[in-house]
C-alpha atoms as a PDB file:
ATOM      1  CA  MET A   1      24.177 -28.220   8.711  1.00  0.00           C
ATOM      2  CA  VAL A   2      24.257 -26.375  12.142  1.00  0.00           C
ATOM      3  CA  VAL A   3      26.487 -27.832  14.783  1.00  0.00           C
ATOM      4  CA  TRP A   4      25.575 -27.345  18.310  1.00  0.00           C
ATOM      5  CA  GLY A   5      28.211 -26.345  20.822  1.00  0.00           C
ATOM      6  CA  PHE A   6      31.032 -23.886  20.819  1.00  0.00           C
ATOM      7  CA  TRP A   7      34.032 -26.024  21.468  1.00  0.00           C
ATOM      8  CA  GLY A   8      32.306 -29.460  20.414  1.00  0.00           C
ATOM      9  CA  ASN A   9      30.259 -29.888  23.515  1.00  0.00           C
ATOM     10  CA  ASP A  10      26.439 -29.227  23.930  1.00  0.00           C
ATOM     11  CA  SER A  11      26.566 -25.751  25.362  1.00  0.00           C
ATOM     12  CA  GLY A  12      23.489 -24.782  23.073  1.00  0.00           C
ATOM     13  CA  VAL A  13      25.454 -22.463  20.786  1.00  0.00           C
ATOM     14  CA  ALA A  14      24.542 -22.981  17.109  1.00  0.00           C
ATOM     15  CA  ARG A  15      27.837 -23.197  14.979  1.00  0.00           C
ATOM     16  CA  LEU A  16      27.773 -23.379  10.949  1.00  0.00           C
ATOM     17  CA  ASP A  17      29.584 -25.995   9.393  1.00  0.00           C
ATOM     18  CA  GLY A  18      32.832 -24.630   8.361  1.00  0.00           C
ATOM     19  CA  ASP A  19      32.886 -22.301  11.119  1.00  0.00           C
ATOM     20  CA  PRO A  20      36.856 -21.222  11.509  1.00  0.00           C
ATOM     21  CA  GLY A  21      38.675 -21.312  14.565  1.00  0.00           C
ATOM     22  CA  GLY A  22      40.131 -18.651  16.421  1.00  0.00           C
ATOM     23  CA  TRP A  23      43.291 -17.889  14.403  1.00  0.00           C
ATOM     24  CA  ARG A  24      41.335 -17.891  11.173  1.00  0.00           C
ATOM     25  CA  ARG A  25      38.906 -15.505  12.487  1.00  0.00           C
ATOM     26  CA  VAL A  26      41.780 -13.335  13.338  1.00  0.00           C
ATOM     27  CA  ARG A  27      43.083 -13.654   9.725  1.00  0.00           C
ATOM     28  CA  TYR A  28      39.772 -12.916   8.207  1.00  0.00           C
ATOM     29  CA  ALA A  29      39.292  -9.904  10.248  1.00  0.00           C
ATOM     30  CA  LEU A  30      42.624  -8.557   9.005  1.00  0.00           C
ATOM     31  CA  GLY A  31      41.318  -9.214   5.403  1.00  0.00           C
ATOM     32  CA  PHE A  32      42.909 -12.521   4.577  1.00  0.00           C
ATOM     33  CA  ARG A  33      41.036 -15.132   2.490  1.00  0.00           C
ATOM     34  CA  LEU A  34      39.656 -18.113   4.230  1.00  0.00           C
ATOM     35  CA  PRO A  35      40.101 -21.770   2.740  1.00  0.00           C
ATOM     36  CA  ALA A  36      37.385 -23.317   0.725  1.00  0.00           C
ATOM     37  CA  GLU A  37      36.248 -25.389   3.512  1.00  0.00           C
ATOM     38  CA  ASN A  38      35.004 -22.056   5.427  1.00  0.00           C
ATOM     39  CA  ARG A  39      33.149 -20.821   2.276  1.00  0.00           C
ATOM     40  CA  ASP A  40      29.682 -21.565   3.863  1.00  0.00           C
ATOM     41  CA  TRP A  41      30.530 -19.732   7.027  1.00  0.00           C
ATOM     42  CA  VAL A  42      31.782 -16.639   4.880  1.00  0.00           C
ATOM     43  CA  ARG A  43      28.603 -16.604   2.965  1.00  0.00           C
ATOM     44  CA  HIS A  44      26.599 -16.666   5.989  1.00  0.00           C
ATOM     45  CA  ASP A  45      28.680 -14.137   7.719  1.00  0.00           C
ATOM     46  CA  LEU A  46      28.374 -11.661   4.735  1.00  0.00           C
ATOM     47  CA  THR A  47      24.757 -12.184   3.650  1.00  0.00           C
ATOM     48  CA  ASP A  48      22.743 -13.116   6.559  1.00  0.00           C
ATOM     49  CA  ALA A  49      20.910 -10.644   8.641  1.00  0.00           C
ATOM     50  CA  GLY A  50      23.241  -8.647  11.024  1.00  0.00           C
ATOM     51  CA  TRP A  51      26.225  -8.809   8.461  1.00  0.00           C
ATOM     52  CA  ARG A  52      26.747  -4.855   8.979  1.00  0.00           C
ATOM     53  CA  GLY A  53      26.964  -5.109  12.811  1.00  0.00           C
ATOM     54  CA  ARG A  54      29.480  -7.999  12.629  1.00  0.00           C
ATOM     55  CA  MET A  55      31.615  -6.079  10.031  1.00  0.00           C
ATOM     56  CA  VAL A  56      31.783  -3.075  12.589  1.00  0.00           C
ATOM     57  CA  LEU A  57      32.461  -5.257  15.434  1.00  0.00           C
ATOM     58  CA  ARG A  58      35.524  -6.948  13.457  1.00  0.00           C
ATOM     59  CA  HIS A  59      36.823  -3.550  12.610  1.00  0.00           C
ATOM     60  CA  LEU A  60      36.646  -2.462  16.103  1.00  0.00           C
ATOM     61  CA  ALA A  61      38.184  -5.553  17.388  1.00  0.00           C
ATOM     62  CA  ILE A  62      41.310  -4.456  15.026  1.00  0.00           C
ATOM     63  CA  MET A  63      41.084  -0.853  15.480  1.00  0.00           C
ATOM     64  CA  VAL A  64      40.811  -0.634  19.461  1.00  0.00           C
ATOM     65  CA  PRO A  65      44.263  -1.960  19.905  1.00  0.00           C
ATOM     66  CA  VAL A  66      45.779   0.299  17.445  1.00  0.00           C
ATOM     67  CA  CYS A  67      43.994   3.368  19.068  1.00  0.00           C
ATOM     68  CA  VAL A  68      45.288   2.243  22.473  1.00  0.00           C
ATOM     69  CA  GLY A  69      48.742   2.100  20.920  1.00  0.00           C
ATOM     70  CA  LEU A  70      48.388   5.503  19.605  1.00  0.00           C
ATOM     71  CA  GLY A  71      47.204   6.852  22.941  1.00  0.00           C
ATOM     72  CA  SER A  72      50.470   5.542  24.546  1.00  0.00           C
ATOM     73  CA  LEU A  73      52.708   7.827  22.485  1.00  0.00           C
ATOM     74  CA  PRO A  74      54.455  10.642  24.141  1.00  0.00           C
ATOM     75  CA  ALA A  75      52.333  13.696  24.301  1.00  0.00           C
ATOM     76  CA  GLN A  76      50.166  15.660  26.416  1.00  0.00           C
ATOM     77  CA  TRP A  77      47.343  13.427  27.659  1.00  0.00           C
ATOM     78  CA  TRP A  78      44.508  15.286  25.659  1.00  0.00           C
ATOM     79  CA  ILE A  79      46.459  14.873  22.564  1.00  0.00           C
ATOM     80  CA  ARG A  80      46.852  11.208  23.007  1.00  0.00           C
ATOM     81  CA  VAL A  81      43.234  10.796  23.784  1.00  0.00           C
ATOM     82  CA  MET A  82      42.124  12.968  20.713  1.00  0.00           C
ATOM     83  CA  VAL A  83      44.527  11.162  18.374  1.00  0.00           C
ATOM     84  CA  GLY A  84      43.114   7.708  19.338  1.00  0.00           C
ATOM     85  CA  MET A  85      39.486   8.860  19.197  1.00  0.00           C
ATOM     86  CA  LEU A  86      40.264  10.493  15.852  1.00  0.00           C
ATOM     87  CA  ALA A  87      41.616   7.305  14.315  1.00  0.00           C
ATOM     88  CA  LEU A  88      38.742   5.225  15.686  1.00  0.00           C
ATOM     89  CA  VAL A  89      35.836   7.520  14.571  1.00  0.00           C
ATOM     90  CA  ALA A  90      37.287   8.253  11.231  1.00  0.00           C
ATOM     91  CA  SER A  91      37.998   4.542  10.636  1.00  0.00           C
ATOM     92  CA  THR A  92      34.607   3.448  11.788  1.00  0.00           C
ATOM     93  CA  PHE A  93      32.755   6.028   9.858  1.00  0.00           C
ATOM     94  CA  THR A  94      34.845   4.855   6.581  1.00  0.00           C
ATOM     95  CA  VAL A  95      33.663   1.338   7.349  1.00  0.00           C
ATOM     96  CA  VAL A  96      30.007   2.130   7.832  1.00  0.00           C
ATOM     97  CA  ILE A  97      29.702   4.203   4.635  1.00  0.00           C
ATOM     98  CA  SER A  98      31.580   1.741   2.565  1.00  0.00           C
ATOM     99  CA  ALA A  99      30.094  -1.432   3.981  1.00  0.00           C
ATOM    100  CA  ASP A 100      28.417  -2.409   0.791  1.00  0.00           C
ATOM    101  CA  GLU A 101      31.443  -2.218  -1.329  1.00  0.00           C
ATOM    102  CA  LEU A 102      33.841  -4.134   1.376  1.00  0.00           C
ATOM    103  CA  ARG A 103      30.967  -6.678   1.559  1.00  0.00           C
ATOM    104  CA  ARG A 104      30.956  -7.312  -2.288  1.00  0.00           C
ATOM    105  CA  SER A 105      34.915  -7.242  -2.318  1.00  0.00           C
ATOM    106  CA  ARG A 106      34.896 -10.001   0.414  1.00  0.00           C
ATOM    107  CA  LEU A 107      32.465 -12.140  -1.494  1.00  0.00           C
ATOM    108  CA  ARG A 108      34.499 -11.891  -4.646  1.00  0.00           C
ATOM    109  CA  GLN A 109      37.818 -12.581  -2.754  1.00  0.00           C
ATOM    110  CA  HIS A 110      36.129 -15.850  -1.432  1.00  0.00           C
ATOM    111  CA  GLY A 111      34.662 -16.868  -4.838  1.00  0.00           C
ATOM    112  CA  LEU A 112      31.236 -16.202  -4.034  1.00  0.00           C
ATOM    113  CA  ASP A 113      28.197 -14.540  -5.693  1.00  0.00           C
ATOM    114  CA  GLN A 114      26.087 -11.861  -3.916  1.00  0.00           C
END
């Protein structure tokens, strides 16, 4: 069932039943398992069109603050920029090339078949 509205109001944004709140989405992005009540949302997230893009966006939401932290370490400015960029590009490349395996692992983690 689709529920309309982002915060329960009629804003015109479709939400799936079992859509996790903000804190659960952060935990999900970090790799934690969601409760069974969010299983339909997880299935949709990992099998519907655009799942690769959502996976990369979740990864970037986690890695950009990490790279900013790396960029704040004491060094010459160009070294800080290059260390942050190296971490961001290498980790994003790894997520992109292993997306199918990450997806299968996530589905198994939540007790879902592919």
